[in-house]
Amino acid sequence: MIRIVICLIAGSFLTTLAHAQINPGEEKIVVPLPSEYRWKSTKIPKDTKGIRGTAYTIKGNAADEVAVKQVTVTTIDRRYYPMKAEGSPEEKWLYEKSGCPEATLEVVDRKVVDGHTAILYAIKSTKMPDGQCGSANLLTYVVEGPTALHTVELTIPEAQFTPERYKKWCDALLQSRIE
């Protein structure tokens, strides 16, 4: 009887360790992109192995009429760059404000789970890379994982910004998970 109890305890401990461990350098965030579109992923070259980037771009006939054309995911290995999510919205907002003084920050969701912070925020009245101030809204989800910091960014043009579209993308980002 004692042998069975010891085996059960050891087995559950080993199973927990196998599921809980994420190897540094392999951690990723999985974003549930809208399934009504075809998405193509492209690696973004970085100067260091401690930072990985992927751009998800809409392909096909809908690419011209869709509001969000690209979602950019960046993963920063915290072994090399010990970054935190806290303070990230304010830093990004100050950066955007330097080019567009009218830009405003809205923190949509902030939570801490098991000591890891996740923040969803929007910077409104900013600009597209080739546009003017007030032409876009930047939506960003920054998440601390066990070994990395993940950032998911997308831009919604002001002309196509609706409460429904905003909620749809906020919900999608909040459903992201770390693997």
N, C-alpha and C. Protein backbone atom coordinates (compact mmCIF):
# COMPACT_ATOMS: atom_id res chain seq x y z
N MET A 1 0.82 -1.19 0.00
CA MET A 1 0.00 0.00 0.00
C MET A 1 0.87 1.26 0.00
N ILE A 2 1.90 1.28 0.83
CA ILE A 2 2.78 2.44 0.89
C ILE A 2 3.51 2.60 -0.44
N ARG A 3 3.89 1.49 -1.07
CA ARG A 3 4.57 1.54 -2.36
C ARG A 3 3.68 2.19 -3.42
N ILE A 4 2.40 1.90 -3.42
CA ILE A 4 1.46 2.47 -4.38
C ILE A 4 1.33 3.98 -4.16
N VAL A 5 1.22 4.39 -2.91
CA VAL A 5 1.10 5.81 -2.58
C VAL A 5 2.35 6.56 -3.02
N ILE A 6 3.52 6.01 -2.76
CA ILE A 6 4.77 6.65 -3.16
C ILE A 6 4.85 6.76 -4.68
N CYS A 7 4.46 5.72 -5.38
CA CYS A 7 4.47 5.76 -6.85
C CYS A 7 3.51 6.81 -7.39
N LEU A 8 2.33 6.93 -6.78
CA LEU A 8 1.36 7.93 -7.22
C LEU A 8 1.89 9.34 -6.99
N ILE A 9 2.48 9.60 -5.84
CA ILE A 9 3.03 10.92 -5.53
C ILE A 9 4.18 11.24 -6.47
N ALA A 10 5.09 10.32 -6.67
CA ALA A 10 6.23 10.54 -7.56
C ALA A 10 5.76 10.76 -9.00
N GLY A 11 4.79 9.98 -9.43
CA GLY A 11 4.27 10.12 -10.79
C GLY A 11 3.62 11.47 -11.02
N SER A 12 2.83 11.92 -10.05
CA SER A 12 2.17 13.22 -10.22
C SER A 12 3.19 14.36 -10.18
N PHE A 13 4.24 14.22 -9.36
CA PHE A 13 5.29 15.24 -9.30
C PHE A 13 6.04 15.32 -10.64
N LEU A 14 6.40 14.20 -11.20
CA LEU A 14 7.12 14.18 -12.48
C LEU A 14 6.25 14.70 -13.61
N THR A 15 4.97 14.38 -13.60
CA THR A 15 4.05 14.86 -14.63
C THR A 15 3.93 16.38 -14.55
N THR A 16 3.82 16.92 -13.34
CA THR A 16 3.73 18.36 -13.15
C THR A 16 4.98 19.05 -13.66
N LEU A 17 6.15 18.52 -13.37
CA LEU A 17 7.39 19.11 -13.84
C LEU A 17 7.48 19.09 -15.36
N ALA A 18 7.04 18.01 -15.98
CA ALA A 18 7.11 17.89 -17.43
C ALA A 18 6.23 18.91 -18.12
N HIS A 19 5.09 19.23 -17.55
CA HIS A 19 4.17 20.19 -18.16
C HIS A 19 4.52 21.63 -17.81
N ALA A 20 5.14 21.87 -16.67
CA ALA A 20 5.38 23.23 -16.21
C ALA A 20 6.65 23.85 -16.78
N GLN A 21 7.61 23.04 -17.20
CA GLN A 21 8.89 23.56 -17.65
C GLN A 21 8.82 24.05 -19.09
N ILE A 22 9.28 25.26 -19.30
CA ILE A 22 9.45 25.80 -20.64
C ILE A 22 10.94 26.10 -20.78
N ASN A 23 11.55 25.57 -21.82
CA ASN A 23 12.98 25.77 -22.01
C ASN A 23 13.25 27.19 -22.50
N PRO A 24 14.25 27.85 -21.89
CA PRO A 24 14.62 29.18 -22.37
C PRO A 24 14.99 29.13 -23.85
N GLY A 25 14.56 30.12 -24.60
CA GLY A 25 14.84 30.18 -26.03
C GLY A 25 13.80 29.48 -26.88
N GLU A 26 12.91 28.72 -26.26
CA GLU A 26 11.87 28.00 -27.00
C GLU A 26 10.47 28.52 -26.70
N GLU A 27 10.35 29.37 -25.70
CA GLU A 27 9.04 29.89 -25.31
C GLU A 27 8.47 30.76 -26.42
N LYS A 28 7.16 30.62 -26.66
CA LYS A 28 6.50 31.44 -27.66
C LYS A 28 5.10 31.80 -27.20
N ILE A 29 4.54 32.82 -27.80
CA ILE A 29 3.16 33.20 -27.54
C ILE A 29 2.35 32.84 -28.78
N VAL A 30 1.19 32.25 -28.56
CA VAL A 30 0.30 31.85 -29.64
C VAL A 30 -0.90 32.80 -29.61
N VAL A 31 -1.08 33.52 -30.72
CA VAL A 31 -2.15 34.51 -30.84
C VAL A 31 -3.24 33.93 -31.75
N PRO A 32 -4.48 33.86 -31.28
CA PRO A 32 -5.57 33.35 -32.14
C PRO A 32 -6.00 34.41 -33.16
N LEU A 33 -5.36 34.39 -34.31
CA LEU A 33 -5.69 35.36 -35.36
C LEU A 33 -7.04 35.01 -35.97
N PRO A 34 -7.81 36.01 -36.43
CA PRO A 34 -9.13 35.73 -37.02
C PRO A 34 -9.04 34.71 -38.15
N SER A 35 -9.86 33.68 -38.06
CA SER A 35 -9.77 32.56 -39.01
C SER A 35 -10.44 32.85 -40.36
N GLU A 36 -11.15 33.96 -40.47
CA GLU A 36 -11.79 34.26 -41.75
C GLU A 36 -10.78 34.76 -42.80
N TYR A 37 -9.53 34.98 -42.39
CA TYR A 37 -8.50 35.42 -43.30
C TYR A 37 -7.36 34.41 -43.35
N ARG A 38 -6.61 34.46 -44.46
CA ARG A 38 -5.40 33.64 -44.57
C ARG A 38 -4.23 34.48 -44.09
N TRP A 39 -3.43 33.90 -43.21
CA TRP A 39 -2.30 34.61 -42.63
C TRP A 39 -1.00 33.94 -43.07
N LYS A 40 -0.04 34.76 -43.42
CA LYS A 40 1.29 34.26 -43.78
C LYS A 40 2.26 34.76 -42.73
N SER A 41 3.07 33.85 -42.19
CA SER A 41 4.06 34.26 -41.19
C SER A 41 5.43 34.43 -41.86
N THR A 42 6.12 35.47 -41.44
CA THR A 42 7.45 35.78 -41.95
C THR A 42 8.34 36.11 -40.76
N LYS A 43 9.49 35.45 -40.70
CA LYS A 43 10.45 35.75 -39.63
C LYS A 43 11.03 37.14 -39.87
N ILE A 44 11.17 37.91 -38.80
CA ILE A 44 11.79 39.23 -38.87
C ILE A 44 13.23 39.06 -38.40
N PRO A 45 14.20 39.33 -39.27
CA PRO A 45 15.60 39.15 -38.87
C PRO A 45 15.98 40.11 -37.75
N LYS A 46 16.68 39.58 -36.77
CA LYS A 46 17.16 40.39 -35.64
C LYS A 46 18.68 40.23 -35.55
N ASP A 47 19.33 41.18 -34.90
CA ASP A 47 20.79 41.16 -34.78
C ASP A 47 21.28 40.20 -33.71
N THR A 48 20.40 39.68 -32.89
CA THR A 48 20.80 38.83 -31.78
C THR A 48 19.86 37.64 -31.66
N LYS A 49 20.38 36.54 -31.13
CA LYS A 49 19.52 35.37 -30.97
C LYS A 49 18.58 35.51 -29.77
N GLY A 50 18.81 36.50 -28.92
CA GLY A 50 17.97 36.71 -27.76
C GLY A 50 16.64 37.36 -28.07
N ILE A 51 16.45 37.82 -29.32
CA ILE A 51 15.20 38.45 -29.74
C ILE A 51 14.71 37.76 -31.00
N ARG A 52 13.45 37.34 -30.97
CA ARG A 52 12.84 36.69 -32.14
C ARG A 52 11.60 37.49 -32.55
N GLY A 53 11.42 37.65 -33.85
CA GLY A 53 10.27 38.39 -34.34
C GLY A 53 9.59 37.67 -35.48
N THR A 54 8.27 37.78 -35.52
CA THR A 54 7.48 37.21 -36.60
C THR A 54 6.39 38.20 -36.98
N ALA A 55 6.22 38.38 -38.29
CA ALA A 55 5.15 39.23 -38.80
C ALA A 55 4.10 38.33 -39.44
N TYR A 56 2.85 38.48 -39.03
CA TYR A 56 1.73 37.75 -39.61
C TYR A 56 0.97 38.73 -40.51
N THR A 57 0.94 38.42 -41.80
CA THR A 57 0.36 39.32 -42.79
C THR A 57 -0.81 38.63 -43.48
N ILE A 58 -1.87 39.40 -43.74
CA ILE A 58 -3.03 38.85 -44.45
C ILE A 58 -2.69 38.68 -45.92
N LYS A 59 -3.07 37.53 -46.45
CA LYS A 59 -2.85 37.23 -47.86
C LYS A 59 -4.18 36.95 -48.54
N GLY A 60 -4.21 37.08 -49.85
CA GLY A 60 -5.42 36.76 -50.60
C GLY A 60 -6.19 37.99 -51.02
N ASN A 61 -7.42 37.75 -51.50
CA ASN A 61 -8.27 38.83 -52.03
C ASN A 61 -8.67 39.85 -50.98
N ALA A 62 -8.78 39.43 -49.72
CA ALA A 62 -9.24 40.33 -48.66
C ALA A 62 -8.16 41.29 -48.19
N ALA A 63 -6.92 41.10 -48.61
CA ALA A 63 -5.81 41.90 -48.10
C ALA A 63 -5.98 43.40 -48.31
N ASP A 64 -6.62 43.80 -49.39
CA ASP A 64 -6.77 45.23 -49.67
C ASP A 64 -7.86 45.90 -48.83
N GLU A 65 -8.89 45.15 -48.46
CA GLU A 65 -10.01 45.76 -47.75
C GLU A 65 -10.01 45.56 -46.24
N VAL A 66 -9.06 44.80 -45.72
CA VAL A 66 -8.99 44.51 -44.29
C VAL A 66 -8.33 45.66 -43.54
N ALA A 67 -8.82 45.95 -42.34
CA ALA A 67 -8.27 47.06 -41.54
C ALA A 67 -6.88 46.71 -40.99
N VAL A 68 -6.75 45.56 -40.36
CA VAL A 68 -5.47 45.15 -39.78
C VAL A 68 -4.77 44.26 -40.80
N LYS A 69 -3.72 44.78 -41.36
CA LYS A 69 -3.01 44.06 -42.41
C LYS A 69 -1.86 43.22 -41.87
N GLN A 70 -1.37 43.57 -40.67
CA GLN A 70 -0.22 42.84 -40.12
C GLN A 70 -0.27 42.84 -38.59
N VAL A 71 0.13 41.71 -38.04
CA VAL A 71 0.29 41.56 -36.59
C VAL A 71 1.75 41.17 -36.37
N THR A 72 2.44 41.93 -35.53
CA THR A 72 3.86 41.68 -35.28
C THR A 72 4.04 41.13 -33.88
N VAL A 73 4.75 40.00 -33.78
CA VAL A 73 5.02 39.35 -32.50
C VAL A 73 6.52 39.37 -32.26
N THR A 74 6.92 39.88 -31.10
CA THR A 74 8.33 39.92 -30.73
C THR A 74 8.50 39.20 -29.40
N THR A 75 9.48 38.31 -29.34
CA THR A 75 9.79 37.58 -28.11
C THR A 75 11.22 37.91 -27.71
N ILE A 76 11.40 38.38 -26.49
CA ILE A 76 12.71 38.78 -25.99
C ILE A 76 13.09 37.83 -24.86
N ASP A 77 14.18 37.11 -25.03
CA ASP A 77 14.67 36.14 -24.05
C ASP A 77 15.19 36.90 -22.83
N ARG A 78 14.60 36.64 -21.68
CA ARG A 78 14.97 37.39 -20.47
C ARG A 78 16.29 36.95 -19.86
N ARG A 79 16.91 35.88 -20.38
CA ARG A 79 18.26 35.53 -19.92
C ARG A 79 19.24 36.61 -20.35
N TYR A 80 19.02 37.17 -21.54
CA TYR A 80 19.92 38.17 -22.09
C TYR A 80 19.44 39.59 -21.83
N TYR A 81 18.13 39.78 -21.83
CA TYR A 81 17.53 41.10 -21.64
C TYR A 81 16.45 40.99 -20.57
N PRO A 82 16.79 41.22 -19.31
CA PRO A 82 15.80 41.03 -18.22
C PRO A 82 14.77 42.15 -18.17
N MET A 83 13.83 42.11 -19.10
CA MET A 83 12.81 43.15 -19.22
C MET A 83 11.53 42.75 -18.51
N LYS A 84 10.75 43.74 -18.14
CA LYS A 84 9.46 43.54 -17.48
C LYS A 84 8.36 44.23 -18.30
N ALA A 85 7.14 43.77 -18.14
CA ALA A 85 6.00 44.38 -18.83
C ALA A 85 5.61 45.70 -18.17
N GLU A 86 5.78 45.79 -16.87
CA GLU A 86 5.39 47.00 -16.13
C GLU A 86 6.18 48.20 -16.66
N GLY A 87 5.51 49.27 -16.95
CA GLY A 87 6.15 50.47 -17.48
C GLY A 87 6.20 50.52 -19.00
N SER A 88 5.98 49.40 -19.64
CA SER A 88 6.03 49.33 -21.10
C SER A 88 5.00 50.24 -21.78
N PRO A 89 3.74 50.27 -21.32
CA PRO A 89 2.76 51.15 -21.97
C PRO A 89 3.16 52.62 -21.93
N GLU A 90 3.64 53.07 -20.78
CA GLU A 90 4.01 54.47 -20.63
C GLU A 90 5.21 54.82 -21.50
N GLU A 91 6.20 53.90 -21.57
CA GLU A 91 7.38 54.15 -22.41
C GLU A 91 7.00 54.24 -23.87
N LYS A 92 6.15 53.33 -24.34
CA LYS A 92 5.73 53.34 -25.74
C LYS A 92 4.91 54.59 -26.04
N TRP A 93 4.05 54.98 -25.10
CA TRP A 93 3.23 56.18 -25.26
C TRP A 93 4.11 57.43 -25.38
N LEU A 94 5.12 57.54 -24.53
CA LEU A 94 6.03 58.69 -24.62
C LEU A 94 6.76 58.72 -25.96
N TYR A 95 7.13 57.56 -26.45
CA TYR A 95 7.78 57.47 -27.76
C TYR A 95 6.82 57.94 -28.86
N GLU A 96 5.59 57.45 -28.83
CA GLU A 96 4.60 57.84 -29.84
C GLU A 96 4.25 59.33 -29.72
N LYS A 97 4.19 59.84 -28.48
CA LYS A 97 3.87 61.26 -28.26
C LYS A 97 4.95 62.19 -28.81
N SER A 98 6.18 61.71 -28.87
CA SER A 98 7.25 62.55 -29.40
C SER A 98 7.01 62.88 -30.87
N GLY A 99 6.34 61.98 -31.60
CA GLY A 99 6.00 62.24 -33.00
C GLY A 99 4.59 62.77 -33.18
N CYS A 100 3.70 62.40 -32.28
CA CYS A 100 2.29 62.82 -32.34
C CYS A 100 1.86 63.28 -30.95
N PRO A 101 1.97 64.57 -30.64
CA PRO A 101 1.67 65.07 -29.29
C PRO A 101 0.24 64.79 -28.82
N GLU A 102 -0.70 64.57 -29.74
CA GLU A 102 -2.09 64.33 -29.37
C GLU A 102 -2.37 62.86 -29.01
N ALA A 103 -1.38 61.99 -29.13
CA ALA A 103 -1.57 60.56 -28.85
C ALA A 103 -1.99 60.36 -27.39
N THR A 104 -2.94 59.45 -27.18
CA THR A 104 -3.42 59.16 -25.83
C THR A 104 -3.24 57.68 -25.52
N LEU A 105 -3.06 57.38 -24.25
CA LEU A 105 -2.85 56.00 -23.79
C LEU A 105 -4.10 55.52 -23.07
N GLU A 106 -4.54 54.31 -23.42
CA GLU A 106 -5.66 53.67 -22.73
C GLU A 106 -5.22 52.26 -22.35
N VAL A 107 -5.14 51.99 -21.05
CA VAL A 107 -4.83 50.63 -20.60
C VAL A 107 -6.15 49.87 -20.56
N VAL A 108 -6.27 48.85 -21.41
CA VAL A 108 -7.50 48.09 -21.56
C VAL A 108 -7.61 47.01 -20.51
N ASP A 109 -6.51 46.32 -20.24
CA ASP A 109 -6.53 45.20 -19.29
C ASP A 109 -5.13 45.05 -18.69
N ARG A 110 -5.08 44.81 -17.39
CA ARG A 110 -3.81 44.58 -16.70
C ARG A 110 -4.06 43.49 -15.67
N LYS A 111 -3.23 42.45 -15.72
CA LYS A 111 -3.38 41.38 -14.74
C LYS A 111 -2.02 40.79 -14.41
N VAL A 112 -1.95 40.19 -13.21
CA VAL A 112 -0.75 39.50 -12.77
C VAL A 112 -1.16 38.09 -12.39
N VAL A 113 -0.54 37.10 -13.05
CA VAL A 113 -0.82 35.69 -12.79
C VAL A 113 0.50 35.00 -12.48
N ASP A 114 0.58 34.38 -11.32
CA ASP A 114 1.80 33.68 -10.89
C ASP A 114 3.03 34.57 -10.97
N GLY A 115 2.88 35.84 -10.64
CA GLY A 115 4.00 36.76 -10.65
C GLY A 115 4.37 37.30 -12.02
N HIS A 116 3.62 36.93 -13.07
CA HIS A 116 3.89 37.40 -14.42
C HIS A 116 2.81 38.42 -14.83
N THR A 117 3.24 39.57 -15.32
CA THR A 117 2.34 40.64 -15.68
C THR A 117 1.96 40.57 -17.16
N ALA A 118 0.70 40.86 -17.46
CA ALA A 118 0.21 40.96 -18.83
C ALA A 118 -0.59 42.26 -18.93
N ILE A 119 -0.28 43.09 -19.94
CA ILE A 119 -0.95 44.37 -20.10
C ILE A 119 -1.39 44.53 -21.55
N LEU A 120 -2.66 44.83 -21.73
CA LEU A 120 -3.19 45.16 -23.05
C LEU A 120 -3.47 46.66 -23.04
N TYR A 121 -2.90 47.37 -24.02
CA TYR A 121 -3.12 48.81 -24.07
C TYR A 121 -3.24 49.30 -25.50
N ALA A 122 -3.85 50.49 -25.63
CA ALA A 122 -4.03 51.12 -26.93
C ALA A 122 -3.45 52.52 -26.86
N ILE A 123 -2.76 52.90 -27.93
CA ILE A 123 -2.31 54.27 -28.08
C ILE A 123 -3.09 54.82 -29.26
N LYS A 124 -3.98 55.75 -28.95
CA LYS A 124 -4.89 56.29 -29.96
C LYS A 124 -4.34 57.61 -30.50
N SER A 125 -4.77 57.94 -31.71
CA SER A 125 -4.36 59.17 -32.41
C SER A 125 -2.86 59.21 -32.68
N THR A 126 -2.31 58.06 -33.03
CA THR A 126 -0.91 58.02 -33.45
C THR A 126 -0.89 57.96 -34.97
N LYS A 127 0.15 57.43 -35.57
CA LYS A 127 0.21 57.42 -37.03
C LYS A 127 0.72 56.09 -37.56
N MET A 128 0.32 55.81 -38.80
CA MET A 128 0.85 54.68 -39.54
C MET A 128 2.30 55.04 -39.89
N PRO A 129 3.14 54.05 -40.21
CA PRO A 129 4.53 54.38 -40.54
C PRO A 129 4.67 55.43 -41.65
N ASP A 130 3.77 55.43 -42.60
CA ASP A 130 3.86 56.41 -43.69
C ASP A 130 2.73 57.43 -43.65
N GLY A 131 2.08 57.56 -42.49
CA GLY A 131 0.91 58.44 -42.40
C GLY A 131 1.15 59.66 -41.54
N GLN A 132 0.04 60.36 -41.30
CA GLN A 132 0.08 61.57 -40.49
C GLN A 132 -0.46 61.27 -39.10
N CYS A 133 -0.17 62.15 -38.16
CA CYS A 133 -0.68 62.00 -36.79
C CYS A 133 -2.20 61.92 -36.81
N GLY A 134 -2.74 61.04 -35.98
CA GLY A 134 -4.18 60.86 -35.90
C GLY A 134 -4.71 59.88 -36.91
N SER A 135 -3.85 59.28 -37.72
CA SER A 135 -4.32 58.37 -38.77
C SER A 135 -4.44 56.92 -38.32
N ALA A 136 -4.00 56.60 -37.07
CA ALA A 136 -4.02 55.20 -36.66
C ALA A 136 -4.14 55.06 -35.15
N ASN A 137 -4.47 53.82 -34.75
CA ASN A 137 -4.55 53.44 -33.34
C ASN A 137 -3.70 52.18 -33.19
N LEU A 138 -2.77 52.21 -32.26
CA LEU A 138 -1.86 51.09 -32.01
C LEU A 138 -2.40 50.27 -30.85
N LEU A 139 -2.55 48.97 -31.06
CA LEU A 139 -3.02 48.06 -30.02
C LEU A 139 -1.88 47.11 -29.70
N THR A 140 -1.49 47.03 -28.42
CA THR A 140 -0.34 46.24 -28.01
C THR A 140 -0.68 45.38 -26.80
N TYR A 141 -0.21 44.14 -26.85
CA TYR A 141 -0.35 43.22 -25.71
C TYR A 141 1.06 42.80 -25.33
N VAL A 142 1.47 43.11 -24.11
CA VAL A 142 2.80 42.75 -23.62
C VAL A 142 2.61 41.78 -22.46
N VAL A 143 3.31 40.63 -22.55
CA VAL A 143 3.11 39.53 -21.59
C VAL A 143 4.46 39.01 -21.12
N GLU A 144 4.61 38.87 -19.81
CA GLU A 144 5.78 38.22 -19.25
C GLU A 144 5.52 36.73 -19.18
N GLY A 145 6.38 35.95 -19.78
CA GLY A 145 6.31 34.50 -19.66
C GLY A 145 7.37 34.03 -18.67
N PRO A 146 7.48 32.73 -18.46
CA PRO A 146 8.49 32.22 -17.53
C PRO A 146 9.93 32.56 -17.93
N THR A 147 10.22 32.60 -19.24
CA THR A 147 11.60 32.85 -19.68
C THR A 147 11.72 34.00 -20.67
N ALA A 148 10.62 34.61 -21.08
CA ALA A 148 10.69 35.64 -22.11
C ALA A 148 9.61 36.70 -21.92
N LEU A 149 9.82 37.83 -22.58
CA LEU A 149 8.82 38.90 -22.64
C LEU A 149 8.28 38.91 -24.06
N HIS A 150 6.97 38.88 -24.20
CA HIS A 150 6.32 38.81 -25.51
C HIS A 150 5.54 40.10 -25.76
N THR A 151 5.65 40.61 -26.98
CA THR A 151 4.90 41.79 -27.38
C THR A 151 4.17 41.49 -28.69
N VAL A 152 2.87 41.77 -28.71
CA VAL A 152 2.06 41.59 -29.91
C VAL A 152 1.50 42.97 -30.26
N GLU A 153 1.78 43.44 -31.49
CA GLU A 153 1.35 44.78 -31.91
C GLU A 153 0.59 44.73 -33.22
N LEU A 154 -0.41 45.59 -33.31
CA LEU A 154 -1.14 45.76 -34.56
C LEU A 154 -1.66 47.19 -34.61
N THR A 155 -1.88 47.65 -35.83
CA THR A 155 -2.36 49.01 -36.04
C THR A 155 -3.69 48.98 -36.78
N ILE A 156 -4.65 49.75 -36.28
CA ILE A 156 -5.95 49.89 -36.94
C ILE A 156 -6.04 51.33 -37.45
N PRO A 157 -6.18 51.50 -38.77
CA PRO A 157 -6.31 52.86 -39.30
C PRO A 157 -7.55 53.56 -38.71
N GLU A 158 -7.43 54.85 -38.46
CA GLU A 158 -8.53 55.62 -37.86
C GLU A 158 -9.80 55.54 -38.70
N ALA A 159 -9.66 55.54 -40.02
CA ALA A 159 -10.83 55.49 -40.91
C ALA A 159 -11.59 54.17 -40.78
N GLN A 160 -10.94 53.11 -40.29
CA GLN A 160 -11.57 51.80 -40.16
C GLN A 160 -11.73 51.38 -38.70
N PHE A 161 -11.50 52.31 -37.79
CA PHE A 161 -11.58 52.02 -36.36
C PHE A 161 -13.03 52.08 -35.90
N THR A 162 -13.58 50.94 -35.49
CA THR A 162 -14.93 50.88 -34.95
C THR A 162 -14.88 50.21 -33.58
N PRO A 163 -15.86 50.46 -32.72
CA PRO A 163 -15.88 49.78 -31.42
C PRO A 163 -15.91 48.26 -31.57
N GLU A 164 -16.61 47.76 -32.58
CA GLU A 164 -16.70 46.31 -32.79
C GLU A 164 -15.34 45.73 -33.16
N ARG A 165 -14.64 46.38 -34.07
CA ARG A 165 -13.32 45.91 -34.51
C ARG A 165 -12.33 45.99 -33.35
N TYR A 166 -12.40 47.07 -32.60
CA TYR A 166 -11.53 47.25 -31.43
C TYR A 166 -11.75 46.13 -30.42
N LYS A 167 -13.00 45.82 -30.10
CA LYS A 167 -13.32 44.75 -29.16
C LYS A 167 -12.87 43.39 -29.69
N LYS A 168 -13.08 43.16 -30.98
CA LYS A 168 -12.69 41.88 -31.59
C LYS A 168 -11.19 41.64 -31.41
N TRP A 169 -10.37 42.66 -31.68
CA TRP A 169 -8.94 42.49 -31.56
C TRP A 169 -8.49 42.44 -30.10
N CYS A 170 -9.12 43.19 -29.23
CA CYS A 170 -8.80 43.10 -27.80
C CYS A 170 -9.08 41.70 -27.29
N ASP A 171 -10.24 41.14 -27.65
CA ASP A 171 -10.58 39.78 -27.23
C ASP A 171 -9.59 38.76 -27.77
N ALA A 172 -9.19 38.91 -29.04
CA ALA A 172 -8.24 37.98 -29.64
C ALA A 172 -6.90 38.02 -28.91
N LEU A 173 -6.41 39.21 -28.60
CA LEU A 173 -5.12 39.33 -27.92
C LEU A 173 -5.19 38.77 -26.50
N LEU A 174 -6.30 39.00 -25.82
CA LEU A 174 -6.45 38.49 -24.45
C LEU A 174 -6.57 36.96 -24.41
N GLN A 175 -6.90 36.34 -25.52
CA GLN A 175 -6.98 34.87 -25.58
C GLN A 175 -5.64 34.23 -25.92
N SER A 176 -4.61 35.02 -26.11
CA SER A 176 -3.28 34.50 -26.42
C SER A 176 -2.80 33.64 -25.26
N ARG A 177 -1.94 32.66 -25.60
CA ARG A 177 -1.39 31.78 -24.56
C ARG A 177 0.09 31.55 -24.81
N ILE A 178 0.82 31.27 -23.76
CA ILE A 178 2.25 31.02 -23.85
C ILE A 178 2.50 29.52 -23.85
N GLU A 179 3.36 29.10 -24.77
CA GLU A 179 3.74 27.69 -24.86
C GLU A 179 5.25 27.56 -24.78
